[in-house]
Amino acid sequence: MRNSYQAPVLELDEPDPTTGELELEERHSLRRVAGLSTELTDITEVEYRQLRLERVVLVGVWTEGSVEDADNSLTELAALAETAGSQVLEGLIQRRSRPDTATFIGRGKVQELRDAVVATGADTVICDGELSPSQLRNLEQQTKVKVVDRTALILDIFAQHAKSKEGKAQVELAQLQYFLPRLRGWGESLSRQGGGAGGGSGGGGVGTRGPGETKLETDRRRINQRIAKLRREIKAMRTVRQTKRSRRQSSGVPSVAIAGYTNAGKSSILNRLTQAGVLVENALFATLDPTTRRTAAEDGRVYTLSDTVGFVRHLPHQIVEAFRSTLEEVSYSDLVVHVVDGSHPDPEGQVSAVREVLADVDADKLPELLVINKMDAADEETVLRLKRTWPDAVFVSARSGQGIAELHAAIAERLPKPAVELRVLLPYDRGDLVARIHRSGQVLQTRHLDEGTELRIRVDERLAGELESFRN
């Protein structure tokens, strides 16, 4: 059932940031963002989910850019919250020059946020940014409900979607690194223990004389030990990944990495190109564990395609660090197929966010093929604008198959060309060499003679050395 409460919409004229109106704007109220509610409309959907969704109010601070940028950011936060299993009731944005150091939003606006929480019956507030421990504590004390920031929300989604041993370890490491500085004690009276001191002076009174280590300190020590263990495990897994990567590289098979914003359709593209059968879900961060499949270009050259974890604006640094070994798969590839959601309100912003993360893992210098997906869902005006913005991009629809043949050809054209060109005459009983040439080299011309098969080919130096005795 829908909530009957209809909050008043506080519309404000957007100030000109060059005229000094921003300080006046800070005195005004929070601006509500329309259309974010994901309240369930039908009891069957409640039964389908079979769990009690958290009821959340979103709040953001708009410090720069246009009002569309601010709305897009909060709309993305709503999608993240819904992916995590929450029910979005309200979205609020405050215009400020910078977030408040104590309460994130302006101190005078916290009461308005509390009123919105009470009016909607929300039990959680999600902030569009990474909050300091003091900001989290102050907001929770004043709103009287749980407060979660954007980083914790993304970490929660990653925890739900991680399936492999490596993925689970990476997510746990990122969560522990995030929560370690945010551990909370049981009030000021327990912040120091008496260390076994007797009654009289120096103690904190009844209940504070004890073993000399607080629960908080014990938790912190155990978390640090767990972090050290997880880092060792991930390092060992990274060695295994590097061994597999070296084996692929030594075989001379080119590698192509599919990268892009979360929910841009990377797994759908992989399925279209290789019939991989990878899970496809209309949800953020549905893919956390990389998938690698082999496929072949029209000329017979074999190459690998790897699906990777999706990126997002302001991807938490804990995630980037924990998933570095996974993200490095992109940096060791020969070509990056950068998939963009063409139906998204801000595809240019998505491209910038992805390139920012690629730079973090030293993959920004690699050849890039931009692929604009979901063309069947984009309007004609958007398509024309994107074609003007990225004239060299390939425009496809993974759902309908539109443009997939052109994508195949574009990838094949950008694959690294083998270094050595030569002409060989192979006896008919050396079909194994012919197969290797087709697999890892490029066949430019073929003639069948009485003595055998004459081929004009391009291959790598290693295979060229093996074929030296067959040169024609």
Protein backbone atom coordinates (compact mmCIF):
# COMPACT_ATOMS: atom_id res chain seq x y z
CA MET A 1 0.00 0.00 0.00
CA ARG A 2 1.18 3.48 -0.75
CA ASN A 3 1.92 5.90 2.06
CA SER A 4 -0.82 8.54 2.15
CA TYR A 5 1.59 11.21 3.37
CA GLN A 6 2.37 13.83 0.71
CA ALA A 7 5.22 16.09 1.72
CA PRO A 8 5.06 19.74 0.66
CA VAL A 9 7.48 20.50 -2.16
CA LEU A 10 9.78 23.38 -1.30
CA GLU A 11 10.70 24.86 -4.69
CA LEU A 12 13.49 27.41 -4.72
CA ASP A 13 14.81 29.63 -7.47
CA GLU A 14 18.29 28.42 -8.26
CA PRO A 15 20.84 31.05 -7.18
CA ASP A 16 23.57 32.35 -9.39
CA PRO A 17 26.78 31.15 -7.69
CA THR A 18 28.63 34.15 -9.11
CA THR A 19 26.45 36.74 -7.36
CA GLY A 20 26.95 35.75 -3.72
CA GLU A 21 23.45 34.30 -3.32
CA LEU A 22 24.85 30.99 -2.09
CA GLU A 23 25.14 32.15 1.53
CA LEU A 24 21.52 33.30 1.49
CA GLU A 25 20.55 29.96 0.00
CA GLU A 26 22.07 28.15 2.98
CA ARG A 27 19.45 29.79 5.20
CA HIS A 28 16.67 28.35 3.08
CA SER A 29 15.13 24.94 3.42
CA LEU A 30 16.14 21.58 2.02
CA ARG A 31 15.00 21.11 -1.59
CA ARG A 32 13.01 17.95 -2.17
CA VAL A 33 13.81 15.84 -5.23
CA ALA A 34 10.68 14.51 -6.86
CA GLY A 35 10.14 11.03 -8.23
CA LEU A 36 12.49 9.05 -5.96
CA SER A 37 9.92 7.10 -3.98
CA THR A 38 10.10 3.33 -4.48
CA GLU A 39 7.21 2.53 -2.16
CA LEU A 40 5.57 -0.78 -3.02
CA THR A 41 2.24 -0.44 -4.77
CA ASP A 42 0.94 -3.94 -4.38
CA ILE A 43 0.86 -6.58 -1.71
CA THR A 44 2.07 -9.34 -4.05
CA GLU A 45 5.40 -7.53 -4.42
CA VAL A 46 5.73 -7.46 -0.64
CA GLU A 47 5.12 -11.19 -0.52
CA TYR A 48 7.60 -11.73 -3.36
CA ARG A 49 10.44 -10.05 -1.52
CA GLN A 50 9.62 -11.92 1.71
CA LEU A 51 11.56 -9.52 3.89
CA ARG A 52 10.95 -6.25 5.69
CA LEU A 53 12.58 -3.52 3.69
CA GLU A 54 14.28 -0.66 5.51
CA ARG A 55 12.38 2.58 5.00
CA VAL A 56 14.86 5.28 4.14
CA VAL A 57 15.13 9.02 3.59
CA LEU A 58 17.96 10.19 1.34
CA VAL A 59 19.82 13.44 1.94
CA GLY A 60 22.52 15.09 -0.14
CA VAL A 61 24.57 18.26 -0.13
CA TRP A 62 24.87 20.04 -3.46
CA THR A 63 28.20 21.84 -3.51
CA GLU A 64 28.98 22.25 -7.23
CA GLY A 65 27.66 21.65 -10.72
CA SER A 66 24.12 22.11 -12.01
CA VAL A 67 20.84 21.18 -10.38
CA GLU A 68 20.62 18.27 -12.87
CA ASP A 69 23.95 16.95 -11.56
CA ALA A 70 22.65 17.09 -7.99
CA ASP A 71 19.40 15.35 -8.93
CA ASN A 72 21.25 12.64 -10.88
CA SER A 73 23.51 11.98 -7.91
CA LEU A 74 20.57 11.53 -5.55
CA THR A 75 18.69 9.43 -8.13
CA GLU A 76 21.72 7.14 -8.30
CA LEU A 77 21.76 6.95 -4.49
CA ALA A 78 18.09 5.91 -4.64
CA ALA A 79 18.99 3.12 -7.10
CA LEU A 80 21.81 1.99 -4.79
CA ALA A 81 19.45 1.99 -1.80
CA GLU A 82 16.84 -0.03 -3.68
CA THR A 83 19.50 -2.51 -4.84
CA ALA A 84 20.47 -2.97 -1.18
CA GLY A 85 16.84 -3.84 -0.39
CA SER A 86 15.59 -0.52 0.97
CA GLN A 87 12.39 1.38 0.32
CA VAL A 88 13.03 5.02 -0.57
CA LEU A 89 10.42 7.36 0.89
CA GLU A 90 11.93 10.81 0.41
CA GLY A 91 14.89 12.58 -1.14
CA LEU A 92 16.27 15.88 0.16
CA ILE A 93 19.07 18.12 -1.09
CA GLN A 94 20.59 21.18 0.57
CA ARG A 95 22.58 23.78 -1.37
CA ARG A 96 25.80 24.59 0.47
CA SER A 97 29.31 25.68 -0.38
CA ARG A 98 30.60 22.61 1.50
CA PRO A 99 29.19 19.94 3.86
CA ASP A 100 28.93 20.91 7.51
CA THR A 101 31.84 19.46 9.48
CA ALA A 102 29.60 18.41 12.37
CA THR A 103 26.31 17.28 10.82
CA PHE A 104 26.90 17.05 7.01
CA ILE A 105 23.82 19.18 6.27
CA GLY A 106 23.41 22.56 7.94
CA ARG A 107 22.86 22.36 11.66
CA GLY A 108 19.61 24.27 11.33
CA LYS A 109 18.35 21.75 8.79
CA VAL A 110 18.82 18.67 10.93
CA GLN A 111 15.47 19.33 12.61
CA GLU A 112 13.79 19.52 9.19
CA LEU A 113 15.38 16.17 8.36
CA ARG A 114 14.08 14.79 11.67
CA ASP A 115 10.58 16.06 10.80
CA ALA A 116 10.74 14.31 7.41
CA VAL A 117 11.84 11.08 9.13
CA VAL A 118 8.93 11.25 11.57
CA ALA A 119 6.39 12.19 8.88
CA THR A 120 7.39 9.33 6.54
CA GLY A 121 7.96 6.73 9.26
CA ALA A 122 11.51 6.11 8.04
CA ASP A 123 13.96 4.11 10.14
CA THR A 124 17.17 5.00 8.27
CA VAL A 125 18.81 8.09 6.77
CA ILE A 126 21.25 7.59 3.88
CA CYS A 127 23.65 10.45 3.13
CA ASP A 128 25.06 11.05 -0.35
CA GLY A 129 28.72 11.23 0.68
CA GLU A 130 31.25 9.65 3.03
CA LEU A 131 30.64 10.85 6.59
CA SER A 132 33.23 11.14 9.31
CA PRO A 133 32.65 9.19 12.55
CA SER A 134 31.63 12.41 14.34
CA GLN A 135 29.14 13.37 11.60
CA LEU A 136 27.55 9.91 11.79
CA ARG A 137 27.30 10.08 15.59
CA ASN A 138 25.87 13.62 15.63
CA LEU A 139 23.25 12.89 12.96
CA GLU A 140 22.13 9.69 14.68
CA GLN A 141 21.81 11.49 18.02
CA GLN A 142 19.69 14.25 16.51
CA THR A 143 17.53 12.28 14.04
CA LYS A 144 17.04 9.33 16.46
CA VAL A 145 17.37 6.80 13.61
CA LYS A 146 20.21 4.85 12.00
CA VAL A 147 22.40 6.93 9.64
CA VAL A 148 24.31 5.31 6.76
CA ASP A 149 26.60 7.02 4.28
CA ARG A 150 27.14 6.27 0.60
CA THR A 151 30.30 4.27 1.20
CA ALA A 152 28.66 1.92 3.72
CA LEU A 153 25.72 1.45 1.32
CA ILE A 154 27.99 0.41 -1.57
CA LEU A 155 29.94 -1.92 0.72
CA ASP A 156 26.64 -3.52 1.80
CA ILE A 157 25.67 -4.15 -1.85
CA PHE A 158 29.10 -5.65 -2.56
CA ALA A 159 28.69 -7.94 0.46
CA GLN A 160 25.34 -9.18 -0.87
CA HIS A 161 26.64 -9.88 -4.38
CA ALA A 162 30.10 -11.37 -3.73
CA LYS A 163 30.09 -15.09 -4.54
CA SER A 164 33.68 -16.26 -5.03
CA LYS A 165 36.16 -16.78 -2.20
CA GLU A 166 38.29 -13.91 -3.52
CA GLY A 167 35.31 -11.59 -3.88
CA LYS A 168 34.10 -12.28 -0.34
CA ALA A 169 37.58 -11.70 1.09
CA GLN A 170 37.94 -8.43 -0.83
CA VAL A 171 34.56 -7.15 0.37
CA GLU A 172 35.23 -8.12 4.00
CA LEU A 173 38.60 -6.35 3.89
CA ALA A 174 36.99 -3.18 2.50
CA GLN A 175 34.25 -3.29 5.15
CA LEU A 176 36.69 -3.75 8.03
CA GLN A 177 38.91 -0.91 6.79
CA TYR A 178 35.84 1.32 6.64
CA PHE A 179 34.37 0.36 10.03
CA LEU A 180 37.62 0.33 12.04
CA PRO A 181 37.76 4.12 12.65
CA ARG A 182 33.97 4.13 13.23
CA LEU A 183 33.86 1.71 16.17
CA ARG A 184 31.92 3.14 19.09
CA GLY A 185 32.23 2.51 22.81
CA TRP A 186 29.55 2.34 25.50
CA GLY A 187 29.70 5.96 26.60
CA GLU A 188 32.29 8.10 28.31
CA SER A 189 32.30 6.06 31.54
CA LEU A 190 33.70 3.04 29.73
CA SER A 191 36.19 4.88 27.55
CA ARG A 192 38.94 4.17 30.12
CA GLN A 193 39.22 1.14 32.34
CA GLY A 194 40.70 1.17 35.81
CA GLY A 195 43.23 -1.47 34.88
CA GLY A 196 42.49 -3.54 37.98
CA ALA A 197 42.96 -0.61 40.41
CA GLY A 198 41.22 -0.92 43.71
CA GLY A 199 38.66 1.41 45.20
CA GLY A 200 39.48 4.96 46.14
CA SER A 201 41.40 7.26 43.85
CA GLY A 202 42.13 6.79 40.17
CA GLY A 203 39.13 4.58 39.31
CA GLY A 204 36.06 5.51 37.33
CA GLY A 205 33.64 4.18 39.95
CA VAL A 206 31.51 1.08 40.13
CA GLY A 207 31.58 -0.99 36.95
CA THR A 208 34.71 0.56 35.48
CA ARG A 209 37.40 -1.37 37.38
CA GLY A 210 38.31 -4.39 35.31
CA PRO A 211 40.78 -6.26 33.13
CA GLY A 212 42.51 -3.20 31.69
CA GLU A 213 41.17 -3.43 28.12
CA THR A 214 37.81 -2.09 26.99
CA LYS A 215 35.43 -3.95 24.69
CA LEU A 216 36.20 -1.27 22.10
CA GLU A 217 39.94 -1.91 22.31
CA THR A 218 39.39 -5.66 22.09
CA ASP A 219 37.25 -5.23 18.96
CA ARG A 220 39.82 -2.93 17.39
CA ARG A 221 42.64 -5.42 18.05
CA ARG A 222 40.66 -8.34 16.61
CA ILE A 223 39.70 -6.34 13.52
CA ASN A 224 43.35 -5.42 12.89
CA GLN A 225 44.30 -9.09 13.16
CA ARG A 226 41.53 -10.05 10.73
CA ILE A 227 42.60 -7.32 8.27
CA ALA A 228 46.18 -8.64 8.33
CA LYS A 229 44.96 -12.20 7.66
CA LEU A 230 42.69 -11.10 4.79
CA ARG A 231 45.54 -9.16 3.19
CA ARG A 232 47.71 -12.28 3.26
CA GLU A 233 44.93 -14.37 1.70
CA ILE A 234 44.23 -11.82 -1.04
CA LYS A 235 47.95 -11.56 -1.78
CA ALA A 236 48.08 -15.34 -2.29
CA MET A 237 45.02 -15.20 -4.56
CA ARG A 238 46.65 -12.36 -6.46
CA THR A 239 49.65 -14.60 -7.13
CA VAL A 240 47.34 -17.29 -8.56
CA ARG A 241 45.64 -14.67 -10.76
CA GLN A 242 49.02 -13.41 -12.00
CA THR A 243 50.08 -16.99 -12.85
CA LYS A 244 46.93 -17.53 -14.92
CA ARG A 245 47.44 -14.15 -16.59
CA SER A 246 51.06 -14.98 -17.45
CA ARG A 247 49.95 -18.29 -18.95
CA ARG A 248 47.43 -16.49 -21.17
CA GLN A 249 50.00 -13.91 -22.22
CA SER A 250 52.63 -16.54 -23.05
CA SER A 251 50.12 -18.26 -25.36
CA GLY A 252 50.03 -15.10 -27.45
CA VAL A 253 46.23 -14.80 -27.21
CA PRO A 254 45.17 -11.11 -27.06
CA SER A 255 43.00 -10.09 -24.11
CA VAL A 256 40.08 -7.65 -24.15
CA ALA A 257 38.57 -6.25 -20.94
CA ILE A 258 34.98 -5.04 -20.76
CA ALA A 259 34.82 -2.10 -18.34
CA GLY A 260 32.18 0.48 -17.59
CA TYR A 261 29.70 1.98 -15.17
CA THR A 262 27.63 -0.36 -13.06
CA ASN A 263 24.44 -1.56 -14.80
CA ALA A 264 25.67 -0.29 -18.20
CA GLY A 265 25.15 -3.76 -19.71
CA LYS A 266 28.69 -5.21 -19.63
CA SER A 267 27.56 -8.77 -18.87
CA SER A 268 24.90 -8.56 -21.60
CA ILE A 269 27.58 -7.48 -24.09
CA LEU A 270 29.79 -10.40 -23.01
CA ASN A 271 26.90 -12.82 -23.49
CA ARG A 272 26.16 -11.42 -26.95
CA LEU A 273 29.78 -11.69 -28.06
CA THR A 274 30.60 -15.11 -26.57
CA GLN A 275 27.30 -16.81 -25.54
CA ALA A 276 28.88 -16.99 -22.07
CA GLY A 277 25.62 -17.33 -20.14
CA VAL A 278 26.78 -14.89 -17.44
CA LEU A 279 24.21 -13.66 -14.89
CA VAL A 280 22.46 -10.54 -16.19
CA GLU A 281 20.38 -8.54 -13.74
CA ASN A 282 18.94 -5.05 -13.84
CA ALA A 283 20.68 -4.10 -10.60
CA LEU A 284 23.76 -2.19 -9.57
CA PHE A 285 26.92 -4.27 -9.00
CA ALA A 286 25.29 -7.53 -10.14
CA THR A 287 28.75 -8.66 -11.32
CA LEU A 288 31.59 -8.68 -8.78
CA ASP A 289 33.51 -11.78 -9.83
CA PRO A 290 35.31 -11.38 -13.18
CA THR A 291 34.39 -13.79 -15.97
CA THR A 292 36.77 -14.59 -18.84
CA ARG A 293 35.64 -16.29 -22.06
CA ARG A 294 37.35 -17.09 -25.36
CA THR A 295 35.94 -16.02 -28.69
CA ALA A 296 37.25 -15.55 -32.23
CA ALA A 297 37.34 -12.74 -34.76
CA GLU A 298 36.05 -13.24 -38.29
CA ASP A 299 39.59 -13.95 -39.53
CA GLY A 300 39.91 -16.77 -36.99
CA ARG A 301 42.10 -15.02 -34.42
CA VAL A 302 41.22 -16.12 -30.90
CA TYR A 303 41.08 -13.57 -28.08
CA THR A 304 39.76 -13.50 -24.51
CA LEU A 305 36.97 -11.26 -23.23
CA SER A 306 36.85 -10.46 -19.49
CA ASP A 307 33.83 -9.01 -17.71
CA THR A 308 34.81 -6.78 -14.76
CA VAL A 309 33.22 -5.20 -11.71
CA GLY A 310 31.21 -2.08 -12.51
CA PHE A 311 32.34 1.37 -11.46
CA VAL A 312 30.35 4.19 -9.91
CA ARG A 313 30.89 7.86 -9.10
CA HIS A 314 33.17 8.33 -6.10
CA LEU A 315 33.81 4.60 -5.81
CA PRO A 316 35.03 4.18 -2.20
CA HIS A 317 38.80 4.00 -2.02
CA GLN A 318 38.46 0.95 0.25
CA ILE A 319 36.78 -0.88 -2.65
CA VAL A 320 39.41 0.22 -5.17
CA GLU A 321 42.21 -0.96 -2.88
CA ALA A 322 40.56 -4.25 -1.89
CA PHE A 323 39.60 -5.07 -5.49
CA ARG A 324 42.92 -3.88 -6.95
CA SER A 325 43.99 -7.40 -7.98
CA THR A 326 40.67 -7.83 -9.81
CA LEU A 327 40.77 -4.38 -11.41
CA GLU A 328 44.33 -5.01 -12.55
CA GLU A 329 42.88 -7.49 -15.05
CA VAL A 330 41.93 -4.39 -17.04
CA SER A 331 45.43 -2.87 -16.91
CA TYR A 332 47.00 -6.05 -18.37
CA SER A 333 44.62 -6.25 -21.33
CA ASP A 334 45.38 -5.27 -24.92
CA LEU A 335 42.11 -3.37 -25.40
CA VAL A 336 39.47 -1.88 -23.09
CA VAL A 337 35.88 -2.09 -24.34
CA HIS A 338 34.30 0.76 -22.37
CA VAL A 339 30.53 0.18 -22.17
CA VAL A 340 28.30 3.22 -21.55
CA ASP A 341 24.56 3.30 -20.78
CA GLY A 342 23.21 5.50 -23.59
CA SER A 343 19.80 5.77 -21.92
CA HIS A 344 21.24 7.22 -18.69
CA PRO A 345 20.53 10.92 -17.97
CA ASP A 346 24.28 11.66 -17.72
CA PRO A 347 26.37 9.28 -19.85
CA GLU A 348 29.21 11.83 -20.03
CA GLY A 349 29.46 11.77 -16.23
CA GLN A 350 29.58 7.96 -16.31
CA VAL A 351 32.48 8.01 -18.78
CA SER A 352 34.42 10.46 -16.60
CA ALA A 353 33.86 8.35 -13.47
CA VAL A 354 35.05 5.15 -15.20
CA ARG A 355 38.14 6.80 -16.65
CA GLU A 356 38.98 8.13 -13.20
CA VAL A 357 39.02 4.60 -11.74
CA LEU A 358 40.93 3.23 -14.75
CA ALA A 359 43.60 5.85 -14.04
CA ASP A 360 43.82 4.58 -10.44
CA VAL A 361 44.84 1.11 -11.69
CA ASP A 362 47.14 2.44 -14.47
CA ALA A 363 44.77 1.36 -17.26
CA ASP A 364 44.09 4.83 -18.67
CA LYS A 365 46.83 4.58 -21.32
CA LEU A 366 45.42 1.43 -22.97
CA PRO A 367 43.58 1.52 -26.32
CA GLU A 368 39.89 2.15 -25.63
CA LEU A 369 36.83 1.27 -27.70
CA LEU A 370 33.78 3.21 -26.53
CA VAL A 371 30.54 1.23 -26.83
CA ILE A 372 27.24 3.05 -26.27
CA ASN A 373 24.73 0.42 -25.14
CA LYS A 374 20.93 0.44 -24.65
CA MET A 375 20.27 2.34 -27.87
CA ASP A 376 16.80 0.77 -27.98
CA ALA A 377 15.96 2.63 -24.75
CA ALA A 378 17.45 6.04 -25.73
CA ASP A 379 15.42 8.72 -27.49
CA GLU A 380 16.42 9.98 -30.94
CA GLU A 381 17.65 13.36 -29.68
CA THR A 382 19.98 11.66 -27.17
CA VAL A 383 21.35 9.32 -29.85
CA LEU A 384 22.19 12.26 -32.13
CA ARG A 385 23.88 14.12 -29.26
CA LEU A 386 25.97 11.11 -28.28
CA LYS A 387 27.02 10.50 -31.89
CA ARG A 388 28.23 14.10 -32.08
CA THR A 389 30.06 13.72 -28.75
CA TRP A 390 31.71 10.37 -29.57
CA PRO A 391 31.80 9.96 -33.37
CA ASP A 392 34.20 6.97 -33.15
CA ALA A 393 32.04 5.01 -30.70
CA VAL A 394 30.06 1.89 -31.61
CA PHE A 395 26.32 2.17 -30.88
CA VAL A 396 24.64 -1.10 -29.89
CA SER A 397 21.74 -2.70 -28.07
CA ALA A 398 22.71 -5.89 -26.27
CA ARG A 399 19.04 -6.68 -25.77
CA SER A 400 17.98 -6.50 -29.44
CA GLY A 401 21.33 -7.36 -31.04
CA GLN A 402 21.53 -4.06 -32.89
CA GLY A 403 25.14 -3.13 -33.73
CA ILE A 404 26.69 -6.35 -32.33
CA ALA A 405 28.17 -7.31 -35.73
CA GLU A 406 29.76 -3.84 -35.98
CA LEU A 407 31.13 -4.30 -32.45
CA HIS A 408 32.69 -7.66 -33.40
CA ALA A 409 34.39 -6.00 -36.38
CA ALA A 410 35.56 -2.99 -34.35
CA ILE A 411 37.17 -5.22 -31.69
CA ALA A 412 38.91 -7.35 -34.35
CA GLU A 413 40.24 -4.22 -36.04
CA ARG A 414 41.75 -2.97 -32.78
CA LEU A 415 43.33 -6.23 -31.65
CA PRO A 416 47.13 -6.07 -31.66
CA LYS A 417 48.57 -7.24 -34.96
CA PRO A 418 51.21 -10.02 -34.77
CA ALA A 419 54.68 -8.63 -35.37
CA VAL A 420 56.12 -10.93 -38.06
CA GLU A 421 54.73 -11.39 -41.57
CA LEU A 422 55.89 -14.41 -43.57
CA ARG A 423 54.86 -16.97 -46.19
CA VAL A 424 54.97 -20.67 -45.28
CA LEU A 425 54.23 -23.96 -47.00
CA LEU A 426 52.87 -26.50 -44.51
CA PRO A 427 52.48 -30.22 -45.35
CA TYR A 428 48.94 -31.52 -45.10
CA ASP A 429 49.92 -33.66 -42.11
CA ARG A 430 50.76 -30.51 -40.05
CA GLY A 431 47.22 -29.46 -39.38
CA ASP A 432 48.27 -28.71 -35.79
CA LEU A 433 50.42 -25.79 -37.01
CA VAL A 434 47.62 -24.49 -39.21
CA ALA A 435 45.29 -24.54 -36.20
CA ARG A 436 47.83 -22.66 -34.04
CA ILE A 437 48.29 -20.02 -36.73
CA HIS A 438 44.53 -19.49 -36.93
CA ARG A 439 44.27 -19.39 -33.15
CA SER A 440 47.03 -16.92 -32.31
CA GLY A 441 48.02 -15.34 -35.63
CA GLN A 442 46.41 -13.71 -38.62
CA VAL A 443 45.95 -15.52 -41.95
CA LEU A 444 46.21 -13.05 -44.82
CA GLN A 445 46.08 -15.46 -47.76
CA THR A 446 45.59 -19.21 -48.30
CA ARG A 447 46.41 -21.47 -51.29
CA HIS A 448 46.14 -25.25 -51.49
CA LEU A 449 48.98 -26.80 -53.52
CA ASP A 450 50.01 -30.38 -54.24
CA GLU A 451 52.80 -30.14 -51.66
CA GLY A 452 50.63 -28.69 -48.91
CA THR A 453 48.92 -25.48 -47.75
CA GLU A 454 50.62 -22.18 -48.62
CA LEU A 455 49.80 -19.40 -46.15
CA ARG A 456 50.70 -15.72 -45.96
CA ILE A 457 50.45 -14.96 -42.28
CA ARG A 458 51.25 -12.60 -39.45
CA VAL A 459 52.37 -14.29 -36.21
CA ASP A 460 54.32 -13.43 -33.08
CA GLU A 461 58.09 -13.89 -32.94
CA ARG A 462 57.90 -17.12 -30.95
CA LEU A 463 55.66 -18.89 -33.47
CA ALA A 464 57.63 -17.38 -36.38
CA GLY A 465 60.75 -19.11 -35.04
CA GLU A 466 58.95 -22.47 -34.99
CA LEU A 467 57.78 -21.94 -38.57
CA GLU A 468 61.19 -20.91 -39.90
CA SER A 469 61.83 -24.32 -41.53
CA PHE A 470 58.54 -24.07 -43.48
CA ARG A 471 59.20 -20.62 -45.01
CA ASN A 472 58.40 -20.46 -48.67
